[in-house]
PDB file of all heavy atoms in Angstrom:
ATOM      1  N   VAL A   1      48.962 134.070 138.181  1.00  0.00           N
ATOM      2  CA  VAL A   1      49.301 134.251 139.584  1.00  0.00           C
ATOM      3  C   VAL A   1      50.314 133.204 140.007  1.00  0.00           C
ATOM      4  O   VAL A   1      50.173 132.024 139.696  1.00  0.00           O
ATOM      5  CB  VAL A   1      48.039 134.143 140.461  1.00  0.00           C
ATOM      6  CG1 VAL A   1      48.403 134.212 141.936  1.00  0.00           C
ATOM      7  CG2 VAL A   1      47.047 135.245 140.097  1.00  0.00           C
ATOM      8  N   GLN A   2      51.321 133.644 140.723  1.00  0.00           N
ATOM      9  CA  GLN A   2      52.324 132.721 141.267  1.00  0.00           C
ATOM     10  C   GLN A   2      52.542 133.001 142.734  1.00  0.00           C
ATOM     11  O   GLN A   2      52.552 134.162 143.156  1.00  0.00           O
ATOM     12  CB  GLN A   2      53.653 132.872 140.519  1.00  0.00           C
ATOM     13  CG  GLN A   2      53.635 132.318 139.103  1.00  0.00           C
ATOM     14  CD  GLN A   2      55.009 132.333 138.469  1.00  0.00           C
ATOM     15  OE1 GLN A   2      55.748 133.298 138.605  1.00  0.00           O
ATOM     16  NE2 GLN A   2      55.364 131.257 137.786  1.00  0.00           N
ATOM     17  N   LEU A   3      52.687 131.925 143.492  1.00  0.00           N
ATOM     18  CA  LEU A   3      53.046 132.011 144.893  1.00  0.00           C
ATOM     19  C   LEU A   3      54.385 131.293 145.047  1.00  0.00           C
ATOM     20  O   LEU A   3      54.482 130.111 144.704  1.00  0.00           O
ATOM     21  CB  LEU A   3      52.001 131.337 145.785  1.00  0.00           C
ATOM     22  CG  LEU A   3      50.698 132.086 146.077  1.00  0.00           C
ATOM     23  CD1 LEU A   3      49.856 132.256 144.817  1.00  0.00           C
ATOM     24  CD2 LEU A   3      49.904 131.360 147.141  1.00  0.00           C
ATOM     25  N   VAL A   4      55.374 131.983 145.564  1.00  0.00           N
ATOM     26  CA  VAL A   4      56.715 131.411 145.672  1.00  0.00           C
ATOM     27  C   VAL A   4      57.151 131.405 147.126  1.00  0.00           C
ATOM     28  O   VAL A   4      57.333 132.469 147.732  1.00  0.00           O
ATOM     29  CB  VAL A   4      57.727 132.196 144.817  1.00  0.00           C
ATOM     30  CG1 VAL A   4      59.111 131.576 144.935  1.00  0.00           C
ATOM     31  CG2 VAL A   4      57.278 132.235 143.355  1.00  0.00           C
ATOM     32  N   GLU A   5      57.286 130.183 147.660  1.00  0.00           N
ATOM     33  CA  GLU A   5      57.701 130.025 149.054  1.00  0.00           C
ATOM     34  C   GLU A   5      59.214 129.931 149.162  1.00  0.00           C
ATOM     35  O   GLU A   5      59.887 129.472 148.231  1.00  0.00           O
ATOM     36  CB  GLU A   5      57.097 128.760 149.675  1.00  0.00           C
ATOM     37  CG  GLU A   5      55.587 128.695 149.682  1.00  0.00           C
ATOM     38  CD  GLU A   5      55.047 127.711 148.678  1.00  0.00           C
ATOM     39  OE1 GLU A   5      55.725 127.504 147.650  1.00  0.00           O
ATOM     40  OE2 GLU A   5      53.961 127.159 148.904  1.00  0.00           O
ATOM     41  N   SER A   6      59.716 130.315 150.314  1.00  0.00           N
ATOM     42  CA  SER A   6      61.139 130.140 150.624  1.00  0.00           C
ATOM     43  C   SER A   6      61.294 130.071 152.137  1.00  0.00           C
ATOM     44  O   SER A   6      60.357 130.399 152.881  1.00  0.00           O
ATOM     45  CB  SER A   6      61.975 131.292 150.051  1.00  0.00           C
ATOM     46  OG  SER A   6      61.573 132.519 150.621  1.00  0.00           O
ATOM     47  N   GLY A   7      62.466 129.611 152.569  1.00  0.00           N
ATOM     48  CA  GLY A   7      62.778 129.624 153.988  1.00  0.00           C
ATOM     49  C   GLY A   7      62.766 128.273 154.661  1.00  0.00           C
ATOM     50  O   GLY A   7      63.107 128.165 155.844  1.00  0.00           O
ATOM     51  N   GLY A   8      62.366 127.238 153.948  1.00  0.00           N
ATOM     52  CA  GLY A   8      62.381 125.914 154.553  1.00  0.00           C
ATOM     53  C   GLY A   8      63.798 125.404 154.736  1.00  0.00           C
ATOM     54  O   GLY A   8      64.763 126.019 154.285  1.00  0.00           O
ATOM     55  N   GLY A   9      63.906 124.262 155.421  1.00  0.00           N
ATOM     56  CA  GLY A   9      65.222 123.683 155.624  1.00  0.00           C
ATOM     57  C   GLY A   9      65.215 122.686 156.749  1.00  0.00           C
ATOM     58  O   GLY A   9      64.160 122.241 157.207  1.00  0.00           O
ATOM     59  N   LEU A  10      66.423 122.332 157.182  1.00  0.00           N
ATOM     60  CA  LEU A  10      66.617 121.375 158.262  1.00  0.00           C
ATOM     61  C   LEU A  10      67.002 122.127 159.533  1.00  0.00           C
ATOM     62  O   LEU A  10      67.897 122.983 159.497  1.00  0.00           O
ATOM     63  CB  LEU A  10      67.726 120.394 157.877  1.00  0.00           C
ATOM     64  CG  LEU A  10      68.180 119.406 158.949  1.00  0.00           C
ATOM     65  CD1 LEU A  10      67.048 118.468 159.334  1.00  0.00           C
ATOM     66  CD2 LEU A  10      69.393 118.609 158.452  1.00  0.00           C
ATOM     67  N   VAL A  11      66.328 121.807 160.621  1.00  0.00           N
ATOM     68  CA  VAL A  11      66.593 122.485 161.886  1.00  0.00           C
ATOM     69  C   VAL A  11      66.452 121.476 163.018  1.00  0.00           C
ATOM     70  O   VAL A  11      65.692 120.502 162.904  1.00  0.00           O
ATOM     71  CB  VAL A  11      65.628 123.681 162.079  1.00  0.00           C
ATOM     72  CG1 VAL A  11      64.181 123.220 162.182  1.00  0.00           C
ATOM     73  CG2 VAL A  11      66.023 124.530 163.257  1.00  0.00           C
ATOM     74  N   GLN A  12      67.168 121.695 164.084  1.00  0.00           N
ATOM     75  CA  GLN A  12      67.062 120.827 165.252  1.00  0.00           C
ATOM     76  C   GLN A  12      65.817 121.178 166.061  1.00  0.00           C
ATOM     77  O   GLN A  12      65.339 122.319 166.028  1.00  0.00           O
ATOM     78  CB  GLN A  12      68.301 120.960 166.131  1.00  0.00           C
ATOM     79  CG  GLN A  12      69.545 120.324 165.540  1.00  0.00           C
ATOM     80  CD  GLN A  12      70.697 120.303 166.529  1.00  0.00           C
ATOM     81  OE1 GLN A  12      70.784 121.138 167.427  1.00  0.00           O
ATOM     82  NE2 GLN A  12      71.595 119.347 166.357  1.00  0.00           N
ATOM     83  N   ALA A  13      65.333 120.212 166.779  1.00  0.00           N
ATOM     84  CA  ALA A  13      64.193 120.442 167.659  1.00  0.00           C
ATOM     85  C   ALA A  13      64.495 121.589 168.611  1.00  0.00           C
ATOM     86  O   ALA A  13      65.611 121.704 169.131  1.00  0.00           O
ATOM     87  CB  ALA A  13      63.861 119.180 168.439  1.00  0.00           C
ATOM     88  N   GLY A  14      63.487 122.452 168.780  1.00  0.00           N
ATOM     89  CA  GLY A  14      63.669 123.640 169.609  1.00  0.00           C
ATOM     90  C   GLY A  14      64.100 124.858 168.833  1.00  0.00           C
ATOM     91  O   GLY A  14      64.081 125.982 169.365  1.00  0.00           O
ATOM     92  N   GLY A  15      64.484 124.664 167.585  1.00  0.00           N
ATOM     93  CA  GLY A  15      64.960 125.763 166.759  1.00  0.00           C
ATOM     94  C   GLY A  15      63.833 126.546 166.110  1.00  0.00           C
ATOM     95  O   GLY A  15      62.652 126.304 166.363  1.00  0.00           O
ATOM     96  N   SER A  16      64.242 127.491 165.246  1.00  0.00           N
ATOM     97  CA  SER A  16      63.290 128.383 164.598  1.00  0.00           C
ATOM     98  C   SER A  16      63.562 128.463 163.100  1.00  0.00           C
ATOM     99  O   SER A  16      64.697 128.266 162.649  1.00  0.00           O
ATOM    100  CB  SER A  16      63.388 129.796 165.185  1.00  0.00           C
ATOM    101  OG  SER A  16      63.108 129.806 166.557  1.00  0.00           O
ATOM    102  N   LEU A  17      62.514 128.748 162.361  1.00  0.00           N
ATOM    103  CA  LEU A  17      62.600 129.028 160.939  1.00  0.00           C
ATOM    104  C   LEU A  17      61.557 130.078 160.596  1.00  0.00           C
ATOM    105  O   LEU A  17      60.511 130.161 161.255  1.00  0.00           O
ATOM    106  CB  LEU A  17      62.332 127.780 160.097  1.00  0.00           C
ATOM    107  CG  LEU A  17      63.430 126.734 159.922  1.00  0.00           C
ATOM    108  CD1 LEU A  17      62.871 125.525 159.157  1.00  0.00           C
ATOM    109  CD2 LEU A  17      64.639 127.302 159.210  1.00  0.00           C
ATOM    110  N   ARG A  18      61.818 130.848 159.534  1.00  0.00           N
ATOM    111  CA  ARG A  18      60.810 131.755 159.018  1.00  0.00           C
ATOM    112  C   ARG A  18      60.568 131.448 157.547  1.00  0.00           C
ATOM    113  O   ARG A  18      61.491 131.490 156.734  1.00  0.00           O
ATOM    114  CB  ARG A  18      61.212 133.221 159.174  1.00  0.00           C
ATOM    115  CG  ARG A  18      60.071 134.169 158.826  1.00  0.00           C
ATOM    116  CD  ARG A  18      60.412 135.623 159.041  1.00  0.00           C
ATOM    117  NE  ARG A  18      61.166 136.187 157.933  1.00  0.00           N
ATOM    118  CZ  ARG A  18      61.182 137.480 157.631  1.00  0.00           C
ATOM    119  NH1 ARG A  18      60.473 138.333 158.354  1.00  0.00           N
ATOM    120  NH2 ARG A  18      61.907 137.929 156.636  1.00  0.00           N
ATOM    121  N   LEU A  19      59.323 131.155 157.251  1.00  0.00           N
ATOM    122  CA  LEU A  19      58.918 130.927 155.873  1.00  0.00           C
ATOM    123  C   LEU A  19      58.364 132.226 155.285  1.00  0.00           C
ATOM    124  O   LEU A  19      57.722 133.012 155.981  1.00  0.00           O
ATOM    125  CB  LEU A  19      57.846 129.840 155.790  1.00  0.00           C
ATOM    126  CG  LEU A  19      58.176 128.499 156.436  1.00  0.00           C
ATOM    127  CD1 LEU A  19      57.017 127.521 156.202  1.00  0.00           C
ATOM    128  CD2 LEU A  19      59.471 127.940 155.917  1.00  0.00           C
ATOM    129  N   SER A  20      58.621 132.408 154.002  1.00  0.00           N
ATOM    130  CA  SER A  20      58.099 133.563 153.275  1.00  0.00           C
ATOM    131  C   SER A  20      57.378 133.088 152.022  1.00  0.00           C
ATOM    132  O   SER A  20      57.758 132.072 151.431  1.00  0.00           O
ATOM    133  CB  SER A  20      59.231 134.508 152.869  1.00  0.00           C
ATOM    134  OG  SER A  20      59.946 134.986 153.977  1.00  0.00           O
ATOM    135  N   CYS A  21      56.375 133.839 151.622  1.00  0.00           N
ATOM    136  CA  CYS A  21      55.654 133.535 150.382  1.00  0.00           C
ATOM    137  C   CYS A  21      55.348 134.846 149.685  1.00  0.00           C
ATOM    138  O   CYS A  21      54.618 135.686 150.231  1.00  0.00           O
ATOM    139  CB  CYS A  21      54.380 132.766 150.683  1.00  0.00           C
ATOM    140  SG  CYS A  21      53.305 132.515 149.257  1.00  0.00           S
ATOM    141  N   VAL A  22      55.893 134.996 148.497  1.00  0.00           N
ATOM    142  CA  VAL A  22      55.650 136.194 147.695  1.00  0.00           C
ATOM    143  C   VAL A  22      54.597 135.873 146.648  1.00  0.00           C
ATOM    144  O   VAL A  22      54.690 134.866 145.940  1.00  0.00           O
ATOM    145  CB  VAL A  22      56.941 136.669 147.014  1.00  0.00           C
ATOM    146  CG1 VAL A  22      56.671 137.921 146.188  1.00  0.00           C
ATOM    147  CG2 VAL A  22      58.023 136.932 148.040  1.00  0.00           C
ATOM    148  N   VAL A  23      53.603 136.734 146.556  1.00  0.00           N
ATOM    149  CA  VAL A  23      52.518 136.570 145.588  1.00  0.00           C
ATOM    150  C   VAL A  23      52.740 137.544 144.441  1.00  0.00           C
ATOM    151  O   VAL A  23      53.048 138.714 144.662  1.00  0.00           O
ATOM    152  CB  VAL A  23      51.152 136.814 146.249  1.00  0.00           C
ATOM    153  CG1 VAL A  23      50.020 136.593 145.244  1.00  0.00           C
ATOM    154  CG2 VAL A  23      50.980 135.905 147.450  1.00  0.00           C
ATOM    155  N   SER A  24      52.549 137.058 143.225  1.00  0.00           N
ATOM    156  CA  SER A  24      52.991 137.812 142.055  1.00  0.00           C
ATOM    157  C   SER A  24      52.098 138.961 141.654  1.00  0.00           C
ATOM    158  O   SER A  24      52.532 139.865 140.976  1.00  0.00           O
ATOM    159  CB  SER A  24      53.151 136.873 140.864  1.00  0.00           C
ATOM    160  OG  SER A  24      51.906 136.302 140.525  1.00  0.00           O
ATOM    161  N   GLU A  25      50.839 138.942 142.059  1.00  0.00           N
ATOM    162  CA  GLU A  25      49.945 139.966 141.535  1.00  0.00           C
ATOM    163  C   GLU A  25      49.138 140.643 142.635  1.00  0.00           C
ATOM    164  O   GLU A  25      49.241 140.319 143.794  1.00  0.00           O
ATOM    165  CB  GLU A  25      49.012 139.351 140.487  1.00  0.00           C
ATOM    166  CG  GLU A  25      49.727 138.908 139.236  1.00  0.00           C
ATOM    167  CD  GLU A  25      48.763 138.568 138.135  1.00  0.00           C
ATOM    168  OE1 GLU A  25      47.562 138.831 138.288  1.00  0.00           O
ATOM    169  OE2 GLU A  25      49.205 138.049 137.100  1.00  0.00           O
ATOM    170  N   SER A  26      48.297 141.539 142.205  1.00  0.00           N
ATOM    171  CA  SER A  26      47.577 142.401 143.135  1.00  0.00           C
ATOM    172  C   SER A  26      46.467 141.678 143.902  1.00  0.00           C
ATOM    173  O   SER A  26      45.778 142.308 144.683  1.00  0.00           O
ATOM    174  CB  SER A  26      46.981 143.584 142.391  1.00  0.00           C
ATOM    175  OG  SER A  26      46.071 143.128 141.420  1.00  0.00           O
ATOM    176  N   ILE A  27      46.286 140.378 143.677  1.00  0.00           N
ATOM    177  CA  ILE A  27      45.267 139.662 144.446  1.00  0.00           C
ATOM    178  C   ILE A  27      45.609 139.624 145.921  1.00  0.00           C
ATOM    179  O   ILE A  27      44.761 139.353 146.747  1.00  0.00           O
ATOM    180  CB  ILE A  27      45.104 138.209 143.961  1.00  0.00           C
ATOM    181  CG1 ILE A  27      46.402 137.421 144.201  1.00  0.00           C
ATOM    182  CG2 ILE A  27      44.674 138.167 142.509  1.00  0.00           C
ATOM    183  CD1 ILE A  27      46.198 135.928 144.160  1.00  0.00           C
ATOM    184  N   PHE A  28      46.868 139.881 146.248  1.00  0.00           N
ATOM    185  CA  PHE A  28      47.325 139.666 147.617  1.00  0.00           C
ATOM    186  C   PHE A  28      46.460 140.412 148.626  1.00  0.00           C
ATOM    187  O   PHE A  28      46.016 139.838 149.614  1.00  0.00           O
ATOM    188  CB  PHE A  28      48.792 140.086 147.755  1.00  0.00           C
ATOM    189  CG  PHE A  28      49.367 139.847 149.115  1.00  0.00           C
ATOM    190  CD1 PHE A  28      49.853 138.600 149.455  1.00  0.00           C
ATOM    191  CD2 PHE A  28      49.411 140.860 150.069  1.00  0.00           C
ATOM    192  CE1 PHE A  28      50.385 138.364 150.727  1.00  0.00           C
ATOM    193  CE2 PHE A  28      49.936 140.635 151.328  1.00  0.00           C
ATOM    194  CZ  PHE A  28      50.420 139.385 151.658  1.00  0.00           C
ATOM    195  N   ARG A  29      46.232 141.696 148.369  1.00  0.00           N
ATOM    196  CA  ARG A  29      45.530 142.509 149.374  1.00  0.00           C
ATOM    197  C   ARG A  29      44.108 142.031 149.606  1.00  0.00           C
ATOM    198  O   ARG A  29      43.541 142.269 150.678  1.00  0.00           O
ATOM    199  CB  ARG A  29      45.542 143.971 148.955  1.00  0.00           C
ATOM    200  CG  ARG A  29      46.925 144.594 148.955  1.00  0.00           C
ATOM    201  CD  ARG A  29      46.875 146.099 148.816  1.00  0.00           C
ATOM    202  NE  ARG A  29      48.209 146.676 148.799  1.00  0.00           N
ATOM    203  CZ  ARG A  29      48.455 147.973 148.883  1.00  0.00           C
ATOM    204  NH1 ARG A  29      47.453 148.822 148.983  1.00  0.00           N
ATOM    205  NH2 ARG A  29      49.683 148.413 148.854  1.00  0.00           N
TER     206      ARG A  29
END
């Protein structure tokens, strides 16, 4: 099983970000 995050970074206060995490196998549900 692998969990792979993405979407982090540098942002100014008041800003927005969206993080994503993809799970490799059927355990997700």
